N, C-alpha and C. Protein backbone atom coordinates (compact mmCIF):
# COMPACT_ATOMS: atom_id res chain seq x y z
N MET A 1 -109.15 17.69 71.88
CA MET A 1 -108.31 17.52 70.71
C MET A 1 -109.05 17.90 69.42
N GLY A 2 -110.35 17.99 69.47
CA GLY A 2 -111.11 18.30 68.27
C GLY A 2 -111.40 19.79 68.14
N GLU A 3 -110.40 20.65 68.43
CA GLU A 3 -110.61 22.10 68.36
C GLU A 3 -110.75 22.57 66.91
N VAL A 4 -111.53 23.60 66.75
CA VAL A 4 -111.68 24.22 65.44
C VAL A 4 -110.75 25.42 65.40
N VAL A 5 -109.87 25.44 64.41
CA VAL A 5 -108.92 26.53 64.28
C VAL A 5 -109.60 27.68 63.53
N PRO A 6 -109.67 28.88 64.14
CA PRO A 6 -110.38 29.98 63.48
C PRO A 6 -109.65 30.52 62.25
N PHE A 7 -108.34 30.41 62.22
CA PHE A 7 -107.59 30.92 61.08
C PHE A 7 -106.68 29.83 60.55
N LYS A 8 -106.79 29.58 59.30
CA LYS A 8 -105.95 28.58 58.66
C LYS A 8 -105.28 29.24 57.47
N ARG A 9 -103.97 29.09 57.38
CA ARG A 9 -103.23 29.70 56.28
C ARG A 9 -103.66 29.07 54.95
N PRO A 10 -104.00 29.90 53.95
CA PRO A 10 -104.42 29.34 52.67
C PRO A 10 -103.26 28.69 51.94
N LYS A 11 -103.58 27.69 51.17
CA LYS A 11 -102.57 26.99 50.39
C LYS A 11 -102.03 27.91 49.30
N PRO A 12 -100.80 27.73 48.85
CA PRO A 12 -100.27 28.55 47.75
C PRO A 12 -101.12 28.45 46.49
N SER A 13 -101.72 27.30 46.24
CA SER A 13 -102.57 27.17 45.06
C SER A 13 -103.81 28.05 45.16
N GLN A 14 -104.32 28.27 46.38
CA GLN A 14 -105.47 29.15 46.56
C GLN A 14 -105.06 30.63 46.51
N LEU A 15 -103.85 30.95 47.00
CA LEU A 15 -103.38 32.33 46.96
C LEU A 15 -103.18 32.83 45.54
N HIS A 16 -102.63 32.00 44.68
CA HIS A 16 -102.27 32.41 43.33
C HIS A 16 -103.25 31.92 42.29
N LYS A 17 -104.45 31.60 42.70
CA LYS A 17 -105.45 31.09 41.77
C LYS A 17 -105.84 32.19 40.77
N GLY A 18 -105.69 31.92 39.47
CA GLY A 18 -106.02 32.87 38.43
C GLY A 18 -104.90 33.82 38.06
N ASN A 19 -103.89 33.99 38.93
CA ASN A 19 -102.81 34.92 38.63
C ASN A 19 -101.84 34.36 37.59
N THR A 20 -101.75 33.06 37.48
CA THR A 20 -100.80 32.50 36.52
C THR A 20 -101.25 32.81 35.09
N LEU A 21 -102.54 32.86 34.85
CA LEU A 21 -103.04 33.22 33.52
C LEU A 21 -102.71 34.68 33.22
N CYS A 22 -102.90 35.56 34.18
CA CYS A 22 -102.63 36.98 33.96
C CYS A 22 -101.14 37.23 33.76
N ARG A 23 -100.30 36.50 34.45
CA ARG A 23 -98.85 36.66 34.26
C ARG A 23 -98.43 36.25 32.86
N SER A 24 -99.20 35.39 32.23
CA SER A 24 -98.91 34.95 30.87
C SER A 24 -99.70 35.76 29.84
N ASN A 25 -100.22 36.92 30.23
CA ASN A 25 -101.00 37.83 29.38
C ASN A 25 -102.29 37.21 28.86
N PHE A 26 -102.93 36.38 29.66
CA PHE A 26 -104.26 35.86 29.34
C PHE A 26 -105.24 36.44 30.36
N HIS A 27 -105.48 37.76 30.22
CA HIS A 27 -106.38 38.45 31.15
C HIS A 27 -107.83 38.17 30.78
N LYS A 28 -108.71 38.44 31.71
CA LYS A 28 -110.14 38.30 31.48
C LYS A 28 -110.74 39.70 31.55
N TRP A 29 -110.80 40.39 30.40
CA TRP A 29 -111.17 41.79 30.35
C TRP A 29 -112.68 41.97 30.45
N GLU A 30 -113.09 42.99 31.22
CA GLU A 30 -114.48 43.43 31.33
C GLU A 30 -114.53 44.92 31.07
N VAL A 31 -115.60 45.40 30.45
CA VAL A 31 -115.76 46.82 30.14
C VAL A 31 -116.25 47.55 31.38
N LEU A 32 -115.57 48.69 31.71
CA LEU A 32 -116.03 49.56 32.79
C LEU A 32 -116.96 50.61 32.18
N LYS A 33 -118.18 50.66 32.65
CA LYS A 33 -119.19 51.55 32.07
C LYS A 33 -119.05 52.99 32.56
N GLU A 34 -118.47 53.23 33.75
CA GLU A 34 -118.49 54.57 34.31
C GLU A 34 -117.46 55.50 33.67
N LYS A 35 -116.45 54.97 32.97
CA LYS A 35 -115.46 55.81 32.31
C LYS A 35 -115.57 55.61 30.81
N GLN A 36 -116.20 56.56 30.11
CA GLN A 36 -116.40 56.40 28.68
C GLN A 36 -115.86 57.57 27.87
N PHE A 37 -115.46 58.68 28.52
CA PHE A 37 -115.02 59.84 27.77
C PHE A 37 -113.71 60.34 28.36
N ASP A 38 -112.70 60.57 27.51
CA ASP A 38 -111.41 61.09 27.94
C ASP A 38 -111.40 62.59 27.71
N VAL A 39 -111.26 63.36 28.77
CA VAL A 39 -111.34 64.82 28.68
C VAL A 39 -110.10 65.38 27.98
N LYS A 40 -108.93 64.82 28.24
CA LYS A 40 -107.69 65.34 27.66
C LYS A 40 -107.66 65.16 26.14
N GLN A 41 -108.07 64.00 25.66
CA GLN A 41 -108.07 63.75 24.23
C GLN A 41 -109.36 64.22 23.57
N GLY A 42 -110.41 64.36 24.32
CA GLY A 42 -111.69 64.77 23.77
C GLY A 42 -112.33 63.68 22.93
N LYS A 43 -112.08 62.43 23.28
CA LYS A 43 -112.58 61.30 22.50
C LYS A 43 -113.32 60.31 23.39
N LEU A 44 -114.15 59.53 22.74
CA LEU A 44 -114.76 58.41 23.45
C LEU A 44 -113.73 57.30 23.56
N ILE A 45 -113.65 56.69 24.72
CA ILE A 45 -112.74 55.58 24.93
C ILE A 45 -113.48 54.44 25.59
N THR A 46 -112.93 53.25 25.47
CA THR A 46 -113.44 52.09 26.16
C THR A 46 -112.40 51.67 27.19
N VAL A 47 -112.80 51.58 28.44
CA VAL A 47 -111.89 51.21 29.52
C VAL A 47 -112.19 49.77 29.91
N TYR A 48 -111.15 48.96 29.93
CA TYR A 48 -111.27 47.55 30.31
C TYR A 48 -110.54 47.32 31.62
N GLN A 49 -111.07 46.42 32.45
CA GLN A 49 -110.42 46.01 33.69
C GLN A 49 -110.42 44.50 33.77
N CYS A 50 -109.28 43.93 34.13
CA CYS A 50 -109.17 42.48 34.27
C CYS A 50 -109.96 42.04 35.49
N LYS A 51 -110.78 41.02 35.31
CA LYS A 51 -111.63 40.51 36.38
C LYS A 51 -110.80 39.81 37.45
N ARG A 52 -109.67 39.21 37.05
CA ARG A 52 -108.86 38.44 38.00
C ARG A 52 -107.86 39.29 38.76
N CYS A 53 -107.07 40.14 38.04
CA CYS A 53 -105.97 40.84 38.71
C CYS A 53 -106.22 42.32 38.90
N GLY A 54 -107.20 42.92 38.20
CA GLY A 54 -107.52 44.32 38.39
C GLY A 54 -106.75 45.27 37.49
N LYS A 55 -105.95 44.78 36.56
CA LYS A 55 -105.20 45.64 35.65
C LYS A 55 -106.18 46.36 34.72
N ILE A 56 -105.84 47.64 34.37
CA ILE A 56 -106.72 48.46 33.55
C ILE A 56 -106.04 48.79 32.23
N LYS A 57 -106.80 48.73 31.14
CA LYS A 57 -106.33 49.18 29.84
C LYS A 57 -107.45 49.97 29.18
N SER A 58 -107.05 50.88 28.27
CA SER A 58 -108.06 51.67 27.58
C SER A 58 -107.80 51.62 26.09
N LYS A 59 -108.88 51.81 25.33
CA LYS A 59 -108.80 51.75 23.87
C LYS A 59 -109.64 52.90 23.31
N ALA A 60 -109.01 53.75 22.49
CA ALA A 60 -109.72 54.87 21.88
C ALA A 60 -110.52 54.38 20.69
N LEU A 61 -111.70 54.92 20.52
CA LEU A 61 -112.55 54.53 19.39
C LEU A 61 -112.28 55.38 18.18
């Protein structure tokens, strides 16, 4: 009776952890260092990626 279950379904609170903030536009932005120049515009840009959900935004300097 004391079997160890190898797979246990995660709780909904664990599945959606951090996503509720991103849905309310409270992202946690980090700068991506590998993309710094936009060839089409010919300008330096800063590319941000959300640490929680992976959404990307860019800002021209």
